C-alpha atoms as a PDB file:
ATOM      1  CA  MET A   1     -32.487  12.971   0.924  1.00  0.00           C
ATOM      2  CA  PRO A   2     -28.879  12.744  -0.257  1.00  0.00           C
ATOM      3  CA  GLN A   3     -27.697  14.635  -3.303  1.00  0.00           C
ATOM      4  CA  LEU A   4     -27.347  12.615  -6.528  1.00  0.00           C
ATOM      5  CA  PRO A   5     -23.910  12.880  -8.175  1.00  0.00           C
ATOM      6  CA  VAL A   6     -23.552  14.394 -11.626  1.00  0.00           C
ATOM      7  CA  ILE A   7     -22.803  11.492 -13.964  1.00  0.00           C
ATOM      8  CA  SER A   8     -22.153  11.309 -17.679  1.00  0.00           C
ATOM      9  CA  GLY A   9     -23.744   8.585 -19.747  1.00  0.00           C
ATOM     10  CA  LYS A  10     -20.330   6.953 -20.496  1.00  0.00           C
ATOM     11  CA  ALA A  11     -19.468   6.855 -16.769  1.00  0.00           C
ATOM     12  CA  PHE A  12     -22.851   5.450 -15.890  1.00  0.00           C
ATOM     13  CA  LEU A  13     -22.425   2.701 -18.537  1.00  0.00           C
ATOM     14  CA  LYS A  14     -19.115   1.647 -17.032  1.00  0.00           C
ATOM     15  CA  PHE A  15     -20.646   1.617 -13.584  1.00  0.00           C
ATOM     16  CA  LEU A  16     -23.556  -0.586 -14.712  1.00  0.00           C
ATOM     17  CA  GLU A  17     -21.132  -3.002 -16.440  1.00  0.00           C
ATOM     18  CA  THR A  18     -19.245  -3.480 -13.128  1.00  0.00           C
ATOM     19  CA  THR A  19     -22.534  -4.282 -11.351  1.00  0.00           C
ATOM     20  CA  GLY A  20     -23.339  -7.149 -13.792  1.00  0.00           C
ATOM     21  CA  PHE A  21     -25.236  -5.444 -16.623  1.00  0.00           C
ATOM     22  CA  ASP A  22     -24.350  -6.292 -20.174  1.00  0.00           C
ATOM     23  CA  ILE A  23     -24.949  -4.197 -23.296  1.00  0.00           C
ATOM     24  CA  VAL A  24     -27.604  -5.997 -25.419  1.00  0.00           C
ATOM     25  CA  ARG A  25     -27.902  -3.512 -28.199  1.00  0.00           C
ATOM     26  CA  VAL A  26     -27.169   0.025 -29.228  1.00  0.00           C
ATOM     27  CA  ASN A  27     -29.736   2.058 -31.197  1.00  0.00           C
ATOM     28  CA  GLY A  28     -28.214   5.420 -32.106  1.00  0.00           C
ATOM     29  CA  SER A  29     -26.964   6.941 -28.857  1.00  0.00           C
ATOM     30  CA  HIS A  30     -29.250   4.762 -26.621  1.00  0.00           C
ATOM     31  CA  HIS A  31     -27.599   1.720 -25.018  1.00  0.00           C
ATOM     32  CA  ARG A  32     -29.889  -1.105 -23.830  1.00  0.00           C
ATOM     33  CA  LEU A  33     -28.499  -3.136 -20.897  1.00  0.00           C
ATOM     34  CA  ARG A  34     -29.708  -6.341 -19.292  1.00  0.00           C
ATOM     35  CA  HIS A  35     -28.768  -7.889 -15.965  1.00  0.00           C
ATOM     36  CA  PRO A  36     -28.748 -11.742 -15.505  1.00  0.00           C
ATOM     37  CA  ASP A  37     -31.677 -11.435 -13.105  1.00  0.00           C
ATOM     38  CA  SER A  38     -33.739  -9.928 -16.030  1.00  0.00           C
ATOM     39  CA  ARG A  39     -33.581  -6.170 -15.078  1.00  0.00           C
ATOM     40  CA  VAL A  40     -33.281  -3.966 -18.111  1.00  0.00           C
ATOM     41  CA  THR A  41     -32.548  -0.288 -18.695  1.00  0.00           C
ATOM     42  CA  THR A  42     -31.740   2.110 -21.429  1.00  0.00           C
ATOM     43  CA  VAL A  43     -29.054   4.738 -20.944  1.00  0.00           C
ATOM     44  CA  PRO A  44     -28.563   7.659 -23.460  1.00  0.00           C
ATOM     45  CA  VAL A  45     -24.943   8.446 -24.186  1.00  0.00           C
ATOM     46  CA  HIS A  46     -24.670  11.870 -25.896  1.00  0.00           C
ATOM     47  CA  LYS A  47     -20.973  12.601 -26.013  1.00  0.00           C
ATOM     48  CA  ASN A  48     -19.889  13.591 -22.581  1.00  0.00           C
ATOM     49  CA  GLN A  49     -23.127  15.229 -21.532  1.00  0.00           C
ATOM     50  CA  ASP A  50     -24.416  14.550 -18.036  1.00  0.00           C
ATOM     51  CA  LEU A  51     -27.544  12.533 -17.470  1.00  0.00           C
ATOM     52  CA  PRO A  52     -30.479  14.654 -16.352  1.00  0.00           C
ATOM     53  CA  LYS A  53     -31.198  14.237 -12.638  1.00  0.00           C
ATOM     54  CA  GLY A  54     -34.792  13.120 -13.189  1.00  0.00           C
ATOM     55  CA  LEU A  55     -33.765  10.431 -15.644  1.00  0.00           C
ATOM     56  CA  LEU A  56     -30.932   9.264 -13.386  1.00  0.00           C
ATOM     57  CA  ARG A  57     -33.338   9.017 -10.478  1.00  0.00           C
ATOM     58  CA  LYS A  58     -35.904   7.100 -12.601  1.00  0.00           C
ATOM     59  CA  ILE A  59     -33.244   4.619 -13.775  1.00  0.00           C
ATOM     60  CA  ILE A  60     -32.004   4.023 -10.196  1.00  0.00           C
ATOM     61  CA  ARG A  61     -35.430   3.582  -8.643  1.00  0.00           C
ATOM     62  CA  GLU A  62     -37.458   1.823 -11.328  1.00  0.00           C
ATOM     63  CA  ASP A  63     -34.993   0.010 -13.580  1.00  0.00           C
ATOM     64  CA  LEU A  64     -32.202  -0.881 -11.134  1.00  0.00           C
ATOM     65  CA  GLU A  65     -34.656  -1.291  -8.247  1.00  0.00           C
ATOM     66  CA  LEU A  66     -32.242   0.405  -5.794  1.00  0.00           C
ATOM     67  CA  GLU A  67     -32.747   3.035  -3.108  1.00  0.00           C
ATOM     68  CA  ILE A  68     -30.918   6.283  -3.754  1.00  0.00           C
ATOM     69  CA  ASP A  69     -28.801   5.842  -0.680  1.00  0.00           C
ATOM     70  CA  THR A  70     -27.671   2.379  -1.822  1.00  0.00           C
ATOM     71  CA  PHE A  71     -26.861   3.674  -5.249  1.00  0.00           C
ATOM     72  CA  ILE A  72     -24.726   6.537  -3.886  1.00  0.00           C
ATOM     73  CA  GLU A  73     -22.765   4.072  -1.681  1.00  0.00           C
ATOM     74  CA  LEU A  74     -22.124   1.809  -4.695  1.00  0.00           C
ATOM     75  CA  TRP A  75     -21.190   4.809  -6.890  1.00  0.00           C
ATOM     76  CA  ASN A  76     -18.603   6.117  -4.292  1.00  0.00           C
ATOM     77  CA  LYS A  77     -16.992   2.647  -4.121  1.00  0.00           C
ATOM     78  CA  HIS A  78     -16.857   2.523  -7.901  1.00  0.00           C
ATOM     79  CA  LYS A  79     -15.095   5.866  -8.288  1.00  0.00           C
END
């Protein structure tokens, strides 16, 4: 299985916005995003701290409904 990149919450938000997600609301440091096809996710943005690997993997697989390999390809194109 490929290695997940280390991503901060801010960088992940920018990536999600380029893939079509829009910020619906912000509650404290948690940003709620929605895609036009009705997928939703919540991303914590705590200063420039990196997202924990388990949370990132959960968001990718369950919320974004992507395979890890597909996400890594999209992430590398985004950078």
